[in-house]
Every structure is written in C-alpha cells, then in structure tokens.
Amino acid sequence: MPRKPVVRALLQGEAPAAPARRRRVRSTETPLDIFLRIMRGDDTVTDRQFEAAKVAAPYVHPKLTGMSVSAVMCKGAEEYSDEELTHLIQSCAAGSSR
C-alpha cells in the first residue's frame, strides 16, 4: 500500500506540502433573484436554494423602516382669500418661468 504524501514527507524529514484549498464558487444571484425566478415559474430552483434564500434574505435585503412625517395640512382653495390666491398664482408663475 503506497504511503500518503504527508507521511512520506515526514518520514524523509521534510515539511509536508500545504493541503490544496478548495475554492468557493461565489454566486452573484441574490435571494431576491431566487424569489423572482420562483414567481416567474422557473422549476430549476431547488428546495435547498429556496430555503437558503429565505434565511439569507433579511441579511442581504433589510426591511425598510417606517418614517415619521410631520405634515402640516394646507387649507382648501375655498379657505384662501382672493389676495392669498393671487399671491400663490404669482409665486407659482414666477417659479415656472425660471
């Protein structure tokens, strides 16, 4: 039975060679891409891919948080005086002519 390279190197007093590293295949496909493929009827998506996308999605695509907006309610057109309406019309006309 032949000896393994590491054992042979140690018996000969040499340092064993570093083991070859496996390269990871990186996919550019995001969890959103997986979900879109499923929505479009792609049957090539495996259950394992779906489960991995479902777990990874919150880390890759964070949820948007709600924003609080403090809005001031404007008056209706009938609540403005004629002078206020004229001023608003003139200021809008001046802004659109720029």
Foldseek 3Di string as FASTA:
>chain_A
DDDDQCVVCVVVVHHGDDDDDDDDDDDPQALVNLVVCVVVPNPPQDPVNNVVNVVCVCVVPPDDDDDDDDDDDDDDPVPDDPVVVVVVVVVVVVVVVD
